Amino acid sequence: MRRIAGVLAGHGAVVTFSFRGHGTSGGRSTVGDREVHDLAAAVRWARELGHSRVVTVGFSMGGSVVLRHAAQPQEGTGPDAVVAVSAPARWYYRGTAPMRRVHWLVTRPAGRLVGRYGLRTRIHHRDWDPVPLSPVQSVPLIAPVPLLIVHGDRDGYFPVDHPRMLANAAPGHAELWLEPGMGHAEHASDDGLMARIGAWAVSRAG
C-alpha cells in the first residue's frame, strides 16, 4: 500500500488508513459491512484537511466498500469519483479455492484465530444482520459520480464474471478496465496501472 500511495501521490494528495480490525486499528472486521463508516470518516477527514475533491480507491474487500459507500454516502462524505479494483460483485462467493479459504477464516473459530495471530486481522464472530446491499446492487445508485472498475483476467479470487456483472449493472456509466495477465488486488497492481488510475481520477474528479 505504501508503494501504491507513492504512485498515486504523483497525481494528488493521498490519505490511507486501515479498516477496523486490521493491523493496529481498533475494533473487529465485519468483512465489508460496517467498514463503510471507516471510509466515510476518512473522506470526512480528507475534506477537513482542505481537499475539496476526493476520489475513493479500494482493493478487493475495500473495492466492495467504496462501491457501497458511494451508493449510500453519509452526509458530507460522498466521493467525487470511485475506483474499485478486484472487487466482488456478490456476497458469499465460494467459487474459487482462495475464497473458500477466506470463508473458513471468517466463519470458523479456528479460522478467526488464524486471522488474529497469523494475519493480524481480528474478525467479528457475528453474522451480518441485516445483510448489506451487495456491490452489484450498489453500482446503479452511484451515478452520476464517475466509476472505474478494474479487474485482472487472472484474478484467483473473483473471476471475470464479477467485474462484468458490476459494469453491466450501470451501462453507460461504469467504465471497465479488464487487465490482461493481472492477478488479485494490491499485489497485482503494478506502478503503471496505478499511474493510469491516478490519471483517470484527476481527469474525472477535477
N, C-alpha and C. Protein backbone atom coordinates (compact mmCIF):
# COMPACT_ATOMS: atom_id res chain seq x y z
N MET A 1 0.82 -1.21 0.00
CA MET A 1 0.00 0.00 0.00
C MET A 1 0.86 1.26 0.00
N ARG A 2 2.02 1.22 0.66
CA ARG A 2 2.92 2.39 0.63
C ARG A 2 3.39 2.65 -0.80
N ARG A 3 3.70 1.58 -1.52
CA ARG A 3 4.13 1.75 -2.91
C ARG A 3 3.01 2.37 -3.75
N ILE A 4 1.80 1.85 -3.59
CA ILE A 4 0.66 2.35 -4.35
C ILE A 4 0.38 3.81 -4.00
N ALA A 5 0.42 4.12 -2.70
CA ALA A 5 0.20 5.50 -2.29
C ALA A 5 1.26 6.42 -2.88
N GLY A 6 2.48 5.92 -2.97
CA GLY A 6 3.55 6.74 -3.54
C GLY A 6 3.30 7.06 -5.00
N VAL A 7 2.79 6.08 -5.76
CA VAL A 7 2.49 6.34 -7.17
C VAL A 7 1.32 7.32 -7.29
N LEU A 8 0.27 7.09 -6.53
CA LEU A 8 -0.90 7.97 -6.60
C LEU A 8 -0.56 9.39 -6.14
N ALA A 9 0.40 9.52 -5.24
CA ALA A 9 0.79 10.84 -4.76
C ALA A 9 1.38 11.71 -5.86
N GLY A 10 1.78 11.08 -6.96
CA GLY A 10 2.23 11.87 -8.10
C GLY A 10 1.10 12.56 -8.83
N HIS A 11 -0.13 12.22 -8.47
CA HIS A 11 -1.31 12.81 -9.12
C HIS A 11 -2.14 13.67 -8.16
N GLY A 12 -1.89 13.56 -6.87
CA GLY A 12 -2.66 14.35 -5.90
C GLY A 12 -2.36 13.86 -4.49
N ALA A 13 -2.89 14.56 -3.51
CA ALA A 13 -2.70 14.17 -2.11
C ALA A 13 -3.38 12.82 -1.86
N VAL A 14 -2.80 12.02 -0.97
CA VAL A 14 -3.31 10.69 -0.70
C VAL A 14 -3.51 10.52 0.81
N VAL A 15 -4.68 10.04 1.19
CA VAL A 15 -4.97 9.65 2.57
C VAL A 15 -5.15 8.14 2.60
N THR A 16 -4.37 7.44 3.41
CA THR A 16 -4.54 6.00 3.56
C THR A 16 -4.94 5.68 5.00
N PHE A 17 -5.57 4.53 5.19
CA PHE A 17 -5.96 4.10 6.53
C PHE A 17 -6.17 2.59 6.52
N SER A 18 -6.20 1.99 7.70
CA SER A 18 -6.52 0.57 7.83
C SER A 18 -7.95 0.45 8.34
N PHE A 19 -8.71 -0.47 7.75
CA PHE A 19 -10.06 -0.73 8.22
C PHE A 19 -10.04 -1.28 9.64
N ARG A 20 -11.17 -1.19 10.31
CA ARG A 20 -11.31 -1.72 11.67
C ARG A 20 -10.86 -3.19 11.72
N GLY A 21 -10.16 -3.53 12.78
CA GLY A 21 -9.73 -4.91 12.98
C GLY A 21 -8.49 -5.31 12.22
N HIS A 22 -7.94 -4.42 11.39
CA HIS A 22 -6.76 -4.72 10.59
C HIS A 22 -5.53 -4.05 11.22
N GLY A 23 -4.47 -4.83 11.39
CA GLY A 23 -3.23 -4.27 11.91
C GLY A 23 -3.42 -3.64 13.28
N THR A 24 -3.06 -2.37 13.42
CA THR A 24 -3.17 -1.70 14.71
C THR A 24 -4.47 -0.93 14.88
N SER A 25 -5.37 -1.00 13.88
CA SER A 25 -6.68 -0.36 14.03
C SER A 25 -7.50 -1.10 15.08
N GLY A 26 -8.31 -0.36 15.82
CA GLY A 26 -9.15 -0.98 16.83
C GLY A 26 -10.34 -1.70 16.24
N GLY A 27 -11.11 -2.33 17.12
CA GLY A 27 -12.34 -2.99 16.71
C GLY A 27 -12.09 -4.32 16.03
N ARG A 28 -13.16 -4.84 15.39
CA ARG A 28 -13.09 -6.11 14.69
C ARG A 28 -13.67 -5.95 13.29
N SER A 29 -13.07 -6.64 12.36
CA SER A 29 -13.52 -6.56 10.97
C SER A 29 -14.90 -7.18 10.81
N THR A 30 -15.75 -6.51 10.04
CA THR A 30 -17.04 -7.08 9.65
C THR A 30 -17.02 -7.48 8.18
N VAL A 31 -15.84 -7.54 7.60
CA VAL A 31 -15.60 -8.07 6.26
C VAL A 31 -16.44 -7.34 5.20
N GLY A 32 -16.48 -6.01 5.32
CA GLY A 32 -17.12 -5.21 4.28
C GLY A 32 -18.44 -4.57 4.65
N ASP A 33 -18.98 -4.86 5.82
CA ASP A 33 -20.27 -4.30 6.22
C ASP A 33 -20.09 -2.92 6.84
N ARG A 34 -19.66 -2.85 8.09
CA ARG A 34 -19.55 -1.57 8.78
C ARG A 34 -18.33 -0.76 8.36
N GLU A 35 -17.50 -1.34 7.53
CA GLU A 35 -16.32 -0.62 7.04
C GLU A 35 -16.68 0.62 6.22
N VAL A 36 -17.93 0.70 5.75
CA VAL A 36 -18.34 1.93 5.05
C VAL A 36 -18.23 3.13 5.97
N HIS A 37 -18.41 2.93 7.28
CA HIS A 37 -18.27 4.04 8.24
C HIS A 37 -16.81 4.47 8.37
N ASP A 38 -15.89 3.49 8.28
CA ASP A 38 -14.46 3.81 8.33
C ASP A 38 -14.09 4.67 7.12
N LEU A 39 -14.59 4.28 5.96
CA LEU A 39 -14.29 5.05 4.75
C LEU A 39 -14.91 6.44 4.82
N ALA A 40 -16.14 6.52 5.32
CA ALA A 40 -16.78 7.83 5.45
C ALA A 40 -15.97 8.74 6.35
N ALA A 41 -15.41 8.20 7.43
CA ALA A 41 -14.59 9.01 8.34
C ALA A 41 -13.33 9.49 7.63
N ALA A 42 -12.74 8.62 6.79
CA ALA A 42 -11.53 9.02 6.06
C ALA A 42 -11.83 10.11 5.04
N VAL A 43 -12.97 9.99 4.35
CA VAL A 43 -13.35 11.02 3.38
C VAL A 43 -13.61 12.35 4.10
N ARG A 44 -14.30 12.27 5.22
CA ARG A 44 -14.57 13.48 6.00
C ARG A 44 -13.26 14.13 6.45
N TRP A 45 -12.31 13.32 6.89
CA TRP A 45 -11.01 13.83 7.33
C TRP A 45 -10.29 14.50 6.16
N ALA A 46 -10.32 13.87 4.98
CA ALA A 46 -9.66 14.47 3.81
C ALA A 46 -10.25 15.83 3.49
N ARG A 47 -11.55 15.95 3.59
CA ARG A 47 -12.19 17.25 3.31
C ARG A 47 -11.84 18.28 4.38
N GLU A 48 -11.74 17.83 5.64
CA GLU A 48 -11.33 18.74 6.71
C GLU A 48 -9.91 19.24 6.51
N LEU A 49 -9.08 18.43 5.85
CA LEU A 49 -7.71 18.84 5.55
C LEU A 49 -7.65 19.84 4.41
N GLY A 50 -8.79 20.10 3.78
CA GLY A 50 -8.85 21.11 2.73
C GLY A 50 -8.94 20.57 1.32
N HIS A 51 -9.14 19.28 1.17
CA HIS A 51 -9.23 18.68 -0.16
C HIS A 51 -10.70 18.69 -0.61
N SER A 52 -11.01 19.55 -1.56
CA SER A 52 -12.40 19.72 -1.97
C SER A 52 -12.88 18.61 -2.89
N ARG A 53 -11.96 17.94 -3.58
CA ARG A 53 -12.31 16.84 -4.48
C ARG A 53 -11.67 15.56 -3.97
N VAL A 54 -12.48 14.53 -3.77
CA VAL A 54 -11.98 13.28 -3.18
C VAL A 54 -12.39 12.11 -4.05
N VAL A 55 -11.42 11.27 -4.38
CA VAL A 55 -11.67 10.03 -5.12
C VAL A 55 -11.40 8.86 -4.17
N THR A 56 -12.34 7.94 -4.03
CA THR A 56 -12.13 6.77 -3.19
C THR A 56 -11.63 5.62 -4.05
N VAL A 57 -10.59 4.94 -3.55
CA VAL A 57 -9.97 3.81 -4.26
C VAL A 57 -9.91 2.64 -3.30
N GLY A 58 -10.48 1.50 -3.69
CA GLY A 58 -10.47 0.33 -2.82
C GLY A 58 -10.09 -0.93 -3.57
N PHE A 59 -9.44 -1.87 -2.84
CA PHE A 59 -8.98 -3.12 -3.43
C PHE A 59 -9.67 -4.29 -2.74
N SER A 60 -10.18 -5.23 -3.52
CA SER A 60 -10.80 -6.45 -3.01
C SER A 60 -11.97 -6.10 -2.08
N MET A 61 -11.89 -6.47 -0.78
CA MET A 61 -12.96 -6.08 0.14
C MET A 61 -13.13 -4.57 0.12
N GLY A 62 -12.02 -3.84 0.08
CA GLY A 62 -12.10 -2.38 0.00
C GLY A 62 -12.82 -1.91 -1.24
N GLY A 63 -12.70 -2.69 -2.34
CA GLY A 63 -13.44 -2.35 -3.54
C GLY A 63 -14.93 -2.43 -3.34
N SER A 64 -15.39 -3.45 -2.61
CA SER A 64 -16.82 -3.53 -2.31
C SER A 64 -17.25 -2.39 -1.40
N VAL A 65 -16.35 -1.97 -0.51
CA VAL A 65 -16.68 -0.89 0.42
C VAL A 65 -16.83 0.44 -0.31
N VAL A 66 -15.92 0.75 -1.25
CA VAL A 66 -16.05 2.04 -1.95
C VAL A 66 -17.32 2.07 -2.80
N LEU A 67 -17.73 0.93 -3.33
CA LEU A 67 -18.97 0.88 -4.12
C LEU A 67 -20.17 1.11 -3.22
N ARG A 68 -20.23 0.44 -2.09
CA ARG A 68 -21.37 0.60 -1.18
C ARG A 68 -21.41 1.99 -0.58
N HIS A 69 -20.25 2.54 -0.24
CA HIS A 69 -20.20 3.88 0.33
C HIS A 69 -20.69 4.92 -0.66
N ALA A 70 -20.27 4.81 -1.92
CA ALA A 70 -20.68 5.78 -2.93
C ALA A 70 -22.17 5.68 -3.24
N ALA A 71 -22.74 4.49 -3.08
CA ALA A 71 -24.17 4.31 -3.35
C ALA A 71 -25.03 4.92 -2.26
N GLN A 72 -24.53 4.92 -1.03
CA GLN A 72 -25.31 5.44 0.09
C GLN A 72 -24.38 6.21 1.04
N PRO A 73 -23.81 7.31 0.57
CA PRO A 73 -22.84 8.03 1.40
C PRO A 73 -23.49 8.69 2.61
N GLN A 74 -22.75 8.74 3.70
CA GLN A 74 -23.20 9.51 4.84
C GLN A 74 -23.07 11.00 4.51
N GLU A 75 -23.80 11.82 5.20
CA GLU A 75 -23.85 13.25 4.88
C GLU A 75 -22.45 13.85 4.85
N GLY A 76 -22.14 14.51 3.74
CA GLY A 76 -20.86 15.20 3.60
C GLY A 76 -19.68 14.31 3.25
N THR A 77 -19.92 13.01 2.97
CA THR A 77 -18.80 12.11 2.70
C THR A 77 -18.87 11.51 1.31
N GLY A 78 -19.75 11.99 0.46
CA GLY A 78 -19.84 11.44 -0.89
C GLY A 78 -18.59 11.71 -1.69
N PRO A 79 -18.10 10.72 -2.45
CA PRO A 79 -16.89 10.92 -3.25
C PRO A 79 -17.20 11.64 -4.56
N ASP A 80 -16.16 12.16 -5.19
CA ASP A 80 -16.30 12.81 -6.49
C ASP A 80 -16.00 11.85 -7.64
N ALA A 81 -15.39 10.72 -7.33
CA ALA A 81 -15.18 9.64 -8.28
C ALA A 81 -14.81 8.40 -7.47
N VAL A 82 -14.99 7.22 -8.08
CA VAL A 82 -14.80 5.96 -7.36
C VAL A 82 -14.00 5.01 -8.23
N VAL A 83 -13.04 4.31 -7.61
CA VAL A 83 -12.27 3.27 -8.30
C VAL A 83 -12.32 2.00 -7.45
N ALA A 84 -12.85 0.93 -8.02
CA ALA A 84 -12.92 -0.37 -7.35
C ALA A 84 -12.02 -1.35 -8.09
N VAL A 85 -11.00 -1.86 -7.40
CA VAL A 85 -10.04 -2.78 -8.01
C VAL A 85 -10.24 -4.17 -7.41
N SER A 86 -10.43 -5.17 -8.27
CA SER A 86 -10.58 -6.57 -7.84
C SER A 86 -11.74 -6.77 -6.87
N ALA A 87 -12.81 -6.04 -7.09
CA ALA A 87 -13.95 -6.11 -6.18
C ALA A 87 -14.87 -7.27 -6.53
N PRO A 88 -15.50 -7.90 -5.53
CA PRO A 88 -16.53 -8.89 -5.81
C PRO A 88 -17.81 -8.21 -6.27
N ALA A 89 -18.63 -8.94 -7.00
CA ALA A 89 -19.93 -8.41 -7.41
C ALA A 89 -21.03 -8.83 -6.44
N ARG A 90 -20.84 -9.99 -5.82
CA ARG A 90 -21.91 -10.53 -4.97
C ARG A 90 -21.29 -11.14 -3.71
N TRP A 91 -22.12 -11.25 -2.68
CA TRP A 91 -21.67 -11.79 -1.41
C TRP A 91 -21.66 -13.32 -1.42
N TYR A 92 -20.95 -13.89 -0.46
CA TYR A 92 -20.93 -15.33 -0.17
C TYR A 92 -20.37 -16.16 -1.33
N TYR A 93 -19.54 -15.56 -2.16
CA TYR A 93 -18.99 -16.29 -3.30
C TYR A 93 -17.95 -17.30 -2.81
N ARG A 94 -18.09 -18.56 -3.23
CA ARG A 94 -17.17 -19.62 -2.84
C ARG A 94 -16.68 -20.40 -4.06
N GLY A 95 -16.70 -19.80 -5.21
CA GLY A 95 -16.40 -20.50 -6.46
C GLY A 95 -14.93 -20.74 -6.74
N THR A 96 -14.03 -20.20 -5.93
CA THR A 96 -12.60 -20.42 -6.11
C THR A 96 -11.99 -20.90 -4.80
N ALA A 97 -10.87 -21.60 -4.91
CA ALA A 97 -10.21 -22.11 -3.70
C ALA A 97 -9.80 -21.00 -2.73
N PRO A 98 -9.24 -19.87 -3.22
CA PRO A 98 -8.91 -18.80 -2.28
C PRO A 98 -10.13 -18.27 -1.52
N MET A 99 -11.27 -18.18 -2.19
CA MET A 99 -12.45 -17.67 -1.49
C MET A 99 -13.02 -18.69 -0.51
N ARG A 100 -12.83 -19.97 -0.80
CA ARG A 100 -13.24 -20.98 0.18
C ARG A 100 -12.37 -20.88 1.42
N ARG A 101 -11.10 -20.57 1.25
CA ARG A 101 -10.23 -20.35 2.41
C ARG A 101 -10.64 -19.11 3.19
N VAL A 102 -11.00 -18.05 2.48
CA VAL A 102 -11.45 -16.83 3.15
C VAL A 102 -12.69 -17.11 3.98
N HIS A 103 -13.64 -17.87 3.42
CA HIS A 103 -14.86 -18.18 4.18
C HIS A 103 -14.54 -19.02 5.42
N TRP A 104 -13.55 -19.91 5.32
CA TRP A 104 -13.14 -20.67 6.50
C TRP A 104 -12.58 -19.73 7.56
N LEU A 105 -11.75 -18.76 7.14
CA LEU A 105 -11.19 -17.79 8.08
C LEU A 105 -12.27 -17.00 8.79
N VAL A 106 -13.31 -16.61 8.05
CA VAL A 106 -14.34 -15.72 8.57
C VAL A 106 -15.35 -16.46 9.43
N THR A 107 -15.72 -17.67 9.04
CA THR A 107 -16.87 -18.34 9.66
C THR A 107 -16.51 -19.34 10.74
N ARG A 108 -15.25 -19.76 10.84
CA ARG A 108 -14.87 -20.79 11.82
C ARG A 108 -14.04 -20.18 12.94
N PRO A 109 -14.27 -20.60 14.19
CA PRO A 109 -13.45 -20.09 15.29
C PRO A 109 -11.95 -20.30 15.06
N ALA A 110 -11.57 -21.47 14.54
CA ALA A 110 -10.16 -21.72 14.27
C ALA A 110 -9.64 -20.77 13.19
N GLY A 111 -10.48 -20.49 12.20
CA GLY A 111 -10.09 -19.56 11.15
C GLY A 111 -9.88 -18.16 11.68
N ARG A 112 -10.76 -17.73 12.58
CA ARG A 112 -10.61 -16.39 13.14
C ARG A 112 -9.35 -16.28 14.01
N LEU A 113 -8.95 -17.39 14.65
CA LEU A 113 -7.70 -17.38 15.40
C LEU A 113 -6.51 -17.23 14.45
N VAL A 114 -6.56 -17.93 13.32
CA VAL A 114 -5.50 -17.78 12.32
C VAL A 114 -5.46 -16.34 11.83
N GLY A 115 -6.65 -15.76 11.59
CA GLY A 115 -6.70 -14.38 11.15
C GLY A 115 -6.10 -13.43 12.17
N ARG A 116 -6.40 -13.65 13.45
CA ARG A 116 -5.92 -12.76 14.50
C ARG A 116 -4.40 -12.84 14.67
N TYR A 117 -3.87 -14.05 14.77
CA TYR A 117 -2.47 -14.20 15.12
C TYR A 117 -1.57 -14.37 13.90
N GLY A 118 -2.12 -14.86 12.80
CA GLY A 118 -1.31 -15.06 11.61
C GLY A 118 -1.36 -13.91 10.63
N LEU A 119 -2.52 -13.25 10.56
CA LEU A 119 -2.73 -12.19 9.58
C LEU A 119 -2.96 -10.83 10.22
N ARG A 120 -2.92 -10.76 11.53
CA ARG A 120 -3.13 -9.51 12.27
C ARG A 120 -4.47 -8.87 11.90
N THR A 121 -5.48 -9.71 11.71
CA THR A 121 -6.82 -9.23 11.38
C THR A 121 -7.81 -9.87 12.35
N ARG A 122 -8.48 -9.04 13.13
CA ARG A 122 -9.45 -9.52 14.11
C ARG A 122 -10.84 -9.46 13.47
N ILE A 123 -11.46 -10.62 13.31
CA ILE A 123 -12.72 -10.74 12.57
C ILE A 123 -13.86 -10.94 13.54
N HIS A 124 -14.93 -10.18 13.36
CA HIS A 124 -16.11 -10.30 14.22
C HIS A 124 -16.77 -11.65 14.02
N HIS A 125 -17.25 -12.23 15.13
CA HIS A 125 -17.85 -13.56 15.05
C HIS A 125 -19.32 -13.54 14.62
N ARG A 126 -19.96 -12.38 14.66
CA ARG A 126 -21.39 -12.33 14.35
C ARG A 126 -21.65 -12.31 12.84
N ASP A 127 -22.73 -12.98 12.43
CA ASP A 127 -23.15 -12.92 11.04
C ASP A 127 -23.73 -11.54 10.73
N TRP A 128 -23.78 -11.18 9.46
CA TRP A 128 -24.40 -9.92 9.05
C TRP A 128 -25.90 -9.95 9.36
N ASP A 129 -26.39 -8.89 9.97
CA ASP A 129 -27.82 -8.78 10.25
C ASP A 129 -28.18 -7.30 10.38
N PRO A 130 -28.78 -6.74 9.31
CA PRO A 130 -29.19 -7.38 8.06
C PRO A 130 -28.00 -7.52 7.10
N VAL A 131 -28.19 -8.32 6.05
CA VAL A 131 -27.17 -8.45 5.02
C VAL A 131 -27.08 -7.14 4.26
N PRO A 132 -25.89 -6.55 4.15
CA PRO A 132 -25.76 -5.24 3.47
C PRO A 132 -26.03 -5.35 1.98
N LEU A 133 -26.35 -4.21 1.40
CA LEU A 133 -26.53 -4.12 -0.04
C LEU A 133 -25.29 -4.65 -0.74
N SER A 134 -25.47 -5.50 -1.73
CA SER A 134 -24.31 -6.09 -2.41
C SER A 134 -23.66 -5.08 -3.34
N PRO A 135 -22.42 -5.32 -3.75
CA PRO A 135 -21.77 -4.41 -4.70
C PRO A 135 -22.57 -4.23 -5.99
N VAL A 136 -23.08 -5.32 -6.56
CA VAL A 136 -23.80 -5.20 -7.83
C VAL A 136 -25.12 -4.44 -7.65
N GLN A 137 -25.72 -4.52 -6.48
CA GLN A 137 -26.91 -3.71 -6.21
C GLN A 137 -26.55 -2.25 -5.98
N SER A 138 -25.33 -2.00 -5.54
CA SER A 138 -24.91 -0.64 -5.23
C SER A 138 -24.55 0.16 -6.47
N VAL A 139 -23.96 -0.51 -7.46
CA VAL A 139 -23.41 0.19 -8.63
C VAL A 139 -24.42 1.11 -9.32
N PRO A 140 -25.68 0.69 -9.56
CA PRO A 140 -26.60 1.59 -10.25
C PRO A 140 -26.91 2.87 -9.47
N LEU A 141 -26.68 2.85 -8.15
CA LEU A 141 -27.00 4.00 -7.31
C LEU A 141 -25.89 5.03 -7.27
N ILE A 142 -24.73 4.72 -7.87
CA ILE A 142 -23.57 5.60 -7.79
C ILE A 142 -23.67 6.76 -8.77
N ALA A 143 -24.30 6.54 -9.93
CA ALA A 143 -24.41 7.61 -10.94
C ALA A 143 -25.04 8.85 -10.33
N PRO A 144 -24.59 10.03 -10.76
CA PRO A 144 -23.67 10.33 -11.86
C PRO A 144 -22.20 10.41 -11.46
N VAL A 145 -21.84 9.98 -10.25
CA VAL A 145 -20.44 10.01 -9.83
C VAL A 145 -19.64 9.07 -10.73
N PRO A 146 -18.53 9.52 -11.33
CA PRO A 146 -17.74 8.66 -12.21
C PRO A 146 -17.25 7.40 -11.49
N LEU A 147 -17.31 6.27 -12.18
CA LEU A 147 -16.96 4.98 -11.59
C LEU A 147 -16.04 4.21 -12.52
N LEU A 148 -14.92 3.73 -11.98
CA LEU A 148 -13.99 2.89 -12.71
C LEU A 148 -13.88 1.54 -12.01
N ILE A 149 -14.08 0.47 -12.77
CA ILE A 149 -13.94 -0.89 -12.27
C ILE A 149 -12.71 -1.50 -12.93
N VAL A 150 -11.75 -1.94 -12.12
CA VAL A 150 -10.50 -2.51 -12.62
C VAL A 150 -10.40 -3.95 -12.12
N HIS A 151 -10.07 -4.86 -13.04
CA HIS A 151 -10.02 -6.28 -12.64
C HIS A 151 -9.02 -7.01 -13.54
N GLY A 152 -8.32 -7.98 -12.97
CA GLY A 152 -7.39 -8.78 -13.74
C GLY A 152 -8.06 -10.01 -14.32
N ASP A 153 -7.65 -10.39 -15.52
CA ASP A 153 -8.25 -11.58 -16.12
C ASP A 153 -7.65 -12.87 -15.57
N ARG A 154 -6.67 -12.74 -14.64
CA ARG A 154 -6.13 -13.91 -13.94
C ARG A 154 -6.36 -13.81 -12.44
N ASP A 155 -7.39 -13.12 -12.05
CA ASP A 155 -7.72 -12.97 -10.63
C ASP A 155 -8.11 -14.35 -10.07
N GLY A 156 -7.36 -14.82 -9.07
CA GLY A 156 -7.62 -16.13 -8.50
C GLY A 156 -8.76 -16.16 -7.50
N TYR A 157 -9.23 -14.98 -7.07
CA TYR A 157 -10.31 -14.91 -6.10
C TYR A 157 -11.67 -14.74 -6.79
N PHE A 158 -11.76 -13.74 -7.66
CA PHE A 158 -13.03 -13.43 -8.32
C PHE A 158 -12.82 -13.45 -9.83
N PRO A 159 -13.41 -14.42 -10.54
CA PRO A 159 -13.23 -14.47 -12.00
C PRO A 159 -13.91 -13.30 -12.69
N VAL A 160 -13.72 -13.21 -14.00
CA VAL A 160 -14.11 -12.01 -14.74
C VAL A 160 -15.61 -11.80 -14.83
N ASP A 161 -16.42 -12.78 -14.45
CA ASP A 161 -17.86 -12.52 -14.44
C ASP A 161 -18.23 -11.49 -13.38
N HIS A 162 -17.39 -11.33 -12.34
CA HIS A 162 -17.67 -10.32 -11.30
C HIS A 162 -17.55 -8.90 -11.85
N PRO A 163 -16.42 -8.50 -12.45
CA PRO A 163 -16.37 -7.13 -12.97
C PRO A 163 -17.37 -6.89 -14.09
N ARG A 164 -17.60 -7.89 -14.90
CA ARG A 164 -18.58 -7.71 -15.98
C ARG A 164 -19.98 -7.51 -15.42
N MET A 165 -20.30 -8.23 -14.37
CA MET A 165 -21.60 -8.05 -13.73
C MET A 165 -21.73 -6.64 -13.16
N LEU A 166 -20.66 -6.15 -12.54
CA LEU A 166 -20.69 -4.79 -11.99
C LEU A 166 -20.87 -3.76 -13.10
N ALA A 167 -20.11 -3.90 -14.18
CA ALA A 167 -20.20 -2.94 -15.28
C ALA A 167 -21.56 -2.99 -15.95
N ASN A 168 -22.11 -4.18 -16.09
CA ASN A 168 -23.42 -4.33 -16.74
C ASN A 168 -24.55 -3.77 -15.90
N ALA A 169 -24.30 -3.62 -14.59
CA ALA A 169 -25.33 -3.07 -13.71
C ALA A 169 -25.48 -1.57 -13.88
N ALA A 170 -24.51 -0.93 -14.56
CA ALA A 170 -24.58 0.52 -14.79
C ALA A 170 -24.13 0.81 -16.21
N PRO A 171 -24.86 0.33 -17.21
CA PRO A 171 -24.45 0.56 -18.60
C PRO A 171 -24.40 2.04 -18.94
N GLY A 172 -23.34 2.44 -19.62
CA GLY A 172 -23.19 3.84 -19.99
C GLY A 172 -22.63 4.71 -18.89
N HIS A 173 -22.44 4.13 -17.70
CA HIS A 173 -21.91 4.92 -16.59
C HIS A 173 -20.58 4.35 -16.10
N ALA A 174 -20.57 3.07 -15.75
CA ALA A 174 -19.35 2.46 -15.24
C ALA A 174 -18.36 2.19 -16.37
N GLU A 175 -17.08 2.46 -16.11
CA GLU A 175 -16.01 2.17 -17.05
C GLU A 175 -15.26 0.95 -16.55
N LEU A 176 -15.05 -0.04 -17.42
CA LEU A 176 -14.40 -1.29 -17.04
C LEU A 176 -13.04 -1.42 -17.71
N TRP A 177 -12.01 -1.63 -16.88
CA TRP A 177 -10.69 -1.98 -17.40
C TRP A 177 -10.42 -3.43 -17.01
N LEU A 178 -10.43 -4.34 -17.97
CA LEU A 178 -10.10 -5.73 -17.73
C LEU A 178 -8.64 -5.92 -18.13
N GLU A 179 -7.77 -6.08 -17.14
CA GLU A 179 -6.32 -6.03 -17.34
C GLU A 179 -5.74 -7.41 -17.67
N PRO A 180 -5.12 -7.56 -18.84
CA PRO A 180 -4.54 -8.85 -19.23
C PRO A 180 -3.39 -9.26 -18.30
N GLY A 181 -3.43 -10.50 -17.84
CA GLY A 181 -2.35 -11.04 -17.03
C GLY A 181 -2.34 -10.61 -15.58
N MET A 182 -3.25 -9.76 -15.18
CA MET A 182 -3.27 -9.26 -13.81
C MET A 182 -3.95 -10.24 -12.87
N GLY A 183 -3.38 -10.41 -11.67
CA GLY A 183 -3.98 -11.22 -10.63
C GLY A 183 -4.91 -10.41 -9.74
N HIS A 184 -4.76 -10.57 -8.43
CA HIS A 184 -5.74 -10.00 -7.49
C HIS A 184 -5.18 -8.84 -6.68
N ALA A 185 -5.87 -7.74 -6.71
CA ALA A 185 -5.76 -6.62 -5.76
C ALA A 185 -4.40 -5.95 -5.73
N GLU A 186 -3.97 -5.53 -4.52
CA GLU A 186 -2.80 -4.65 -4.39
C GLU A 186 -1.53 -5.26 -4.96
N HIS A 187 -1.28 -6.52 -4.63
CA HIS A 187 -0.02 -7.14 -5.04
C HIS A 187 0.08 -7.28 -6.55
N ALA A 188 -1.05 -7.33 -7.23
CA ALA A 188 -1.06 -7.49 -8.69
C ALA A 188 -1.13 -6.15 -9.41
N SER A 189 -1.27 -5.06 -8.68
CA SER A 189 -1.42 -3.73 -9.29
C SER A 189 -0.05 -3.08 -9.41
N ASP A 190 0.51 -3.11 -10.62
CA ASP A 190 1.85 -2.56 -10.79
C ASP A 190 1.80 -1.03 -10.89
N ASP A 191 2.99 -0.43 -10.90
CA ASP A 191 3.08 1.03 -10.89
C ASP A 191 2.44 1.65 -12.14
N GLY A 192 2.57 0.97 -13.27
CA GLY A 192 1.98 1.51 -14.50
C GLY A 192 0.47 1.58 -14.41
N LEU A 193 -0.15 0.53 -13.87
CA LEU A 193 -1.60 0.53 -13.70
C LEU A 193 -2.02 1.63 -12.73
N MET A 194 -1.29 1.76 -11.62
CA MET A 194 -1.67 2.77 -10.63
C MET A 194 -1.51 4.18 -11.19
N ALA A 195 -0.51 4.38 -12.04
CA ALA A 195 -0.35 5.69 -12.68
C ALA A 195 -1.53 5.99 -13.59
N ARG A 196 -2.00 4.98 -14.31
CA ARG A 196 -3.19 5.18 -15.16
C ARG A 196 -4.42 5.47 -14.33
N ILE A 197 -4.54 4.77 -13.20
CA ILE A 197 -5.68 5.04 -12.31
C ILE A 197 -5.59 6.46 -11.75
N GLY A 198 -4.40 6.89 -11.36
CA GLY A 198 -4.23 8.25 -10.87
C GLY A 198 -4.61 9.29 -11.90
N ALA A 199 -4.20 9.07 -13.15
CA ALA A 199 -4.55 10.00 -14.22
C ALA A 199 -6.05 10.02 -14.47
N TRP A 200 -6.67 8.83 -14.43
CA TRP A 200 -8.14 8.76 -14.58
C TRP A 200 -8.83 9.54 -13.47
N ALA A 201 -8.37 9.36 -12.24
CA ALA A 201 -9.00 10.03 -11.09
C ALA A 201 -8.93 11.55 -11.23
N VAL A 202 -7.78 12.05 -11.65
CA VAL A 202 -7.63 13.50 -11.82
C VAL A 202 -8.56 14.01 -12.92
N SER A 203 -8.65 13.27 -14.01
CA SER A 203 -9.46 13.72 -15.14
C SER A 203 -10.96 13.70 -14.83
N ARG A 204 -11.39 12.75 -13.99
CA ARG A 204 -12.82 12.63 -13.70
C ARG A 204 -13.27 13.46 -12.51
N ALA A 205 -12.42 13.62 -11.53
CA ALA A 205 -12.83 14.34 -10.32
C ALA A 205 -12.51 15.81 -10.39
N GLY A 206 -11.66 16.20 -11.35
CA GLY A 206 -11.26 17.61 -11.41
C GLY A 206 -12.36 18.49 -11.93
